Amino acid sequence: MPTIEETNRELADKVVAEAKQNAQAYPGKYIGIANGKVVIVSDDLDAVDDELDAVEPDSARTFIVDLTHDVNKIEYIWRLR
């Protein structure tokens, strides 16, 4: 049985794949995932973060997909919250 982190990652990968196939799917949006489900889609990162905190206080069980940039370009994150 996959962990919540793996389930969130699989869902995030599906969202990114959809965005790659259809540029109009989530243009300029952040997707908030908690416990294997999409909980919020917004163009405001703070709103996504606030909603994820309200739904699931354990940040290890949440995931944010950033579709505000080119999904075909690799970008590295140097710091986690």
N, C-alpha and C. Protein backbone atom coordinates (compact mmCIF):
# COMPACT_ATOMS: atom_id res chain seq x y z
N MET A 1 0.85 -1.19 0.00
CA MET A 1 0.00 0.00 0.00
C MET A 1 0.89 1.25 0.00
N PRO A 2 0.62 2.19 -0.93
CA PRO A 2 1.48 3.38 -1.01
C PRO A 2 1.25 4.32 0.18
N THR A 3 2.29 5.06 0.51
CA THR A 3 2.18 6.06 1.58
C THR A 3 1.41 7.27 1.06
N ILE A 4 0.99 8.14 1.97
CA ILE A 4 0.30 9.38 1.56
C ILE A 4 1.21 10.22 0.68
N GLU A 5 2.49 10.26 1.03
CA GLU A 5 3.45 11.05 0.23
C GLU A 5 3.50 10.51 -1.20
N GLU A 6 3.53 9.18 -1.35
CA GLU A 6 3.56 8.59 -2.68
C GLU A 6 2.26 8.86 -3.44
N THR A 7 1.14 8.76 -2.73
CA THR A 7 -0.15 9.04 -3.35
C THR A 7 -0.24 10.48 -3.81
N ASN A 8 0.22 11.42 -2.95
CA ASN A 8 0.23 12.83 -3.33
C ASN A 8 1.13 13.06 -4.53
N ARG A 9 2.28 12.43 -4.56
CA ARG A 9 3.22 12.58 -5.68
C ARG A 9 2.62 12.05 -6.97
N GLU A 10 1.96 10.90 -6.91
CA GLU A 10 1.32 10.33 -8.10
C GLU A 10 0.25 11.27 -8.65
N LEU A 11 -0.56 11.84 -7.76
CA LEU A 11 -1.59 12.78 -8.19
C LEU A 11 -0.95 14.04 -8.77
N ALA A 12 0.10 14.53 -8.14
CA ALA A 12 0.82 15.71 -8.66
C ALA A 12 1.38 15.42 -10.05
N ASP A 13 1.94 14.24 -10.25
CA ASP A 13 2.47 13.86 -11.56
C ASP A 13 1.37 13.84 -12.62
N LYS A 14 0.17 13.36 -12.24
CA LYS A 14 -0.97 13.34 -13.17
C LYS A 14 -1.39 14.76 -13.53
N VAL A 15 -1.41 15.66 -12.54
CA VAL A 15 -1.78 17.05 -12.79
C VAL A 15 -0.77 17.70 -13.73
N VAL A 16 0.52 17.47 -13.50
CA VAL A 16 1.55 18.04 -14.37
C VAL A 16 1.45 17.46 -15.78
N ALA A 17 1.20 16.16 -15.89
CA ALA A 17 1.04 15.53 -17.22
C ALA A 17 -0.14 16.14 -17.96
N GLU A 18 -1.23 16.37 -17.25
CA GLU A 18 -2.40 17.00 -17.86
C GLU A 18 -2.07 18.41 -18.32
N ALA A 19 -1.34 19.16 -17.50
CA ALA A 19 -0.95 20.52 -17.86
C ALA A 19 -0.02 20.53 -19.07
N LYS A 20 0.84 19.52 -19.18
CA LYS A 20 1.73 19.44 -20.34
C LYS A 20 0.94 19.17 -21.63
N GLN A 21 -0.10 18.35 -21.52
CA GLN A 21 -0.91 18.01 -22.70
C GLN A 21 -1.87 19.13 -23.07
N ASN A 22 -2.35 19.86 -22.06
CA ASN A 22 -3.34 20.90 -22.29
C ASN A 22 -2.92 22.15 -21.53
N ALA A 23 -2.34 23.08 -22.24
CA ALA A 23 -1.83 24.30 -21.60
C ALA A 23 -2.94 25.11 -20.95
N GLN A 24 -4.18 24.89 -21.34
CA GLN A 24 -5.31 25.63 -20.78
C GLN A 24 -5.88 24.97 -19.52
N ALA A 25 -5.32 23.82 -19.11
CA ALA A 25 -5.87 23.07 -17.97
C ALA A 25 -5.80 23.89 -16.67
N TYR A 26 -4.64 24.38 -16.33
CA TYR A 26 -4.45 25.12 -15.08
C TYR A 26 -3.49 26.28 -15.29
N PRO A 27 -3.76 27.18 -16.21
CA PRO A 27 -2.79 28.24 -16.50
C PRO A 27 -2.57 29.17 -15.31
N GLY A 28 -1.32 29.31 -14.88
CA GLY A 28 -0.97 30.22 -13.81
C GLY A 28 -1.53 29.85 -12.45
N LYS A 29 -1.76 28.58 -12.22
CA LYS A 29 -2.40 28.14 -10.97
C LYS A 29 -1.45 27.35 -10.08
N TYR A 30 -1.81 27.34 -8.81
CA TYR A 30 -1.19 26.47 -7.82
C TYR A 30 -2.25 25.43 -7.45
N ILE A 31 -1.84 24.18 -7.35
CA ILE A 31 -2.75 23.10 -7.01
C ILE A 31 -2.35 22.59 -5.63
N GLY A 32 -3.29 22.62 -4.69
CA GLY A 32 -3.03 22.13 -3.33
C GLY A 32 -3.59 20.73 -3.18
N ILE A 33 -2.73 19.80 -2.77
CA ILE A 33 -3.10 18.40 -2.60
C ILE A 33 -2.89 18.03 -1.13
N ALA A 34 -3.88 17.34 -0.57
CA ALA A 34 -3.76 16.85 0.80
C ALA A 34 -4.38 15.46 0.86
N ASN A 35 -3.63 14.53 1.43
CA ASN A 35 -4.13 13.18 1.65
C ASN A 35 -4.66 12.53 0.37
N GLY A 36 -3.95 12.77 -0.74
CA GLY A 36 -4.29 12.12 -2.00
C GLY A 36 -5.43 12.75 -2.77
N LYS A 37 -5.86 13.96 -2.39
CA LYS A 37 -6.96 14.64 -3.07
C LYS A 37 -6.60 16.08 -3.35
N VAL A 38 -7.07 16.59 -4.49
CA VAL A 38 -6.92 18.01 -4.78
C VAL A 38 -7.92 18.76 -3.90
N VAL A 39 -7.39 19.70 -3.10
CA VAL A 39 -8.26 20.45 -2.19
C VAL A 39 -8.51 21.87 -2.66
N ILE A 40 -7.56 22.43 -3.41
CA ILE A 40 -7.72 23.82 -3.85
C ILE A 40 -6.91 24.06 -5.12
N VAL A 41 -7.48 24.89 -5.99
CA VAL A 41 -6.80 25.38 -7.19
C VAL A 41 -6.93 26.89 -7.14
N SER A 42 -5.80 27.59 -7.15
CA SER A 42 -5.84 29.05 -7.01
C SER A 42 -4.62 29.67 -7.66
N ASP A 43 -4.74 30.95 -7.99
CA ASP A 43 -3.57 31.68 -8.48
C ASP A 43 -2.85 32.38 -7.35
N ASP A 44 -3.32 32.17 -6.12
CA ASP A 44 -2.74 32.79 -4.92
C ASP A 44 -2.08 31.71 -4.05
N LEU A 45 -0.76 31.70 -4.01
CA LEU A 45 -0.02 30.70 -3.25
C LEU A 45 -0.35 30.74 -1.76
N ASP A 46 -0.52 31.94 -1.21
CA ASP A 46 -0.87 32.05 0.21
C ASP A 46 -2.22 31.41 0.51
N ALA A 47 -3.18 31.57 -0.39
CA ALA A 47 -4.50 30.95 -0.21
C ALA A 47 -4.39 29.43 -0.22
N VAL A 48 -3.56 28.91 -1.11
CA VAL A 48 -3.35 27.46 -1.17
C VAL A 48 -2.71 26.96 0.12
N ASP A 49 -1.70 27.67 0.57
CA ASP A 49 -1.00 27.29 1.80
C ASP A 49 -1.95 27.34 3.00
N ASP A 50 -2.76 28.39 3.09
CA ASP A 50 -3.71 28.53 4.19
C ASP A 50 -4.74 27.40 4.18
N GLU A 51 -5.26 27.09 2.99
CA GLU A 51 -6.27 26.03 2.89
C GLU A 51 -5.68 24.67 3.25
N LEU A 52 -4.46 24.41 2.80
CA LEU A 52 -3.82 23.13 3.14
C LEU A 52 -3.59 23.03 4.64
N ASP A 53 -3.17 24.12 5.28
CA ASP A 53 -2.99 24.12 6.73
C ASP A 53 -4.31 23.84 7.46
N ALA A 54 -5.41 24.39 6.92
CA ALA A 54 -6.72 24.19 7.55
C ALA A 54 -7.21 22.75 7.38
N VAL A 55 -6.94 22.18 6.22
CA VAL A 55 -7.41 20.82 5.92
C VAL A 55 -6.53 19.77 6.58
N GLU A 56 -5.20 20.00 6.51
CA GLU A 56 -4.24 19.01 7.03
C GLU A 56 -3.06 19.74 7.66
N PRO A 57 -3.03 19.83 8.99
CA PRO A 57 -1.95 20.54 9.68
C PRO A 57 -0.56 19.91 9.50
N ASP A 58 -0.51 18.62 9.19
CA ASP A 58 0.77 17.94 8.98
C ASP A 58 1.24 18.18 7.55
N SER A 59 2.20 19.08 7.38
CA SER A 59 2.66 19.45 6.04
C SER A 59 3.28 18.30 5.27
N ALA A 60 3.69 17.24 5.96
CA ALA A 60 4.24 16.06 5.27
C ALA A 60 3.15 15.33 4.49
N ARG A 61 1.89 15.63 4.78
CA ARG A 61 0.78 14.98 4.10
C ARG A 61 0.15 15.87 3.03
N THR A 62 0.85 16.97 2.70
CA THR A 62 0.35 17.91 1.70
C THR A 62 1.38 18.11 0.60
N PHE A 63 0.92 18.71 -0.49
CA PHE A 63 1.79 18.90 -1.65
C PHE A 63 1.24 20.09 -2.44
N ILE A 64 2.10 20.94 -2.94
CA ILE A 64 1.69 22.05 -3.80
C ILE A 64 2.35 21.89 -5.16
N VAL A 65 1.53 21.93 -6.19
CA VAL A 65 2.03 21.88 -7.57
C VAL A 65 1.98 23.31 -8.10
N ASP A 66 3.12 23.80 -8.56
CA ASP A 66 3.23 25.16 -9.09
C ASP A 66 3.16 25.11 -10.61
N LEU A 67 2.03 25.55 -11.15
CA LEU A 67 1.88 25.58 -12.61
C LEU A 67 1.92 27.01 -13.14
N THR A 68 2.54 27.91 -12.36
CA THR A 68 2.67 29.29 -12.79
C THR A 68 3.86 29.48 -13.73
N HIS A 69 4.67 28.44 -13.86
CA HIS A 69 5.84 28.49 -14.73
C HIS A 69 5.71 27.42 -15.80
N ASP A 70 6.60 27.42 -16.73
CA ASP A 70 6.62 26.43 -17.81
C ASP A 70 6.84 25.04 -17.23
N VAL A 71 5.86 24.14 -17.41
CA VAL A 71 5.96 22.79 -16.84
C VAL A 71 7.01 21.93 -17.55
N ASN A 72 7.48 22.39 -18.69
CA ASN A 72 8.50 21.64 -19.42
C ASN A 72 9.92 22.04 -19.02
N LYS A 73 10.03 23.03 -18.16
CA LYS A 73 11.34 23.52 -17.71
C LYS A 73 11.62 22.99 -16.31
N ILE A 74 12.80 22.49 -16.08
CA ILE A 74 13.18 21.98 -14.76
C ILE A 74 13.69 23.13 -13.91
N GLU A 75 13.14 23.26 -12.72
CA GLU A 75 13.59 24.27 -11.76
C GLU A 75 13.87 23.56 -10.45
N TYR A 76 14.87 24.01 -9.75
CA TYR A 76 15.27 23.36 -8.51
C TYR A 76 14.85 24.19 -7.30
N ILE A 77 14.41 23.51 -6.26
CA ILE A 77 14.04 24.17 -5.01
C ILE A 77 15.20 23.97 -4.04
N TRP A 78 15.69 25.07 -3.51
CA TRP A 78 16.87 24.99 -2.66
C TRP A 78 16.51 24.99 -1.18
N ARG A 79 15.26 25.25 -0.84
CA ARG A 79 14.88 25.31 0.56
C ARG A 79 13.44 24.86 0.71
N LEU A 80 13.18 24.10 1.73
CA LEU A 80 11.81 23.68 2.05
C LEU A 80 11.33 24.45 3.25
N ARG A 81 10.02 24.58 3.38
CA ARG A 81 9.49 25.31 4.53
C ARG A 81 9.42 24.42 5.74
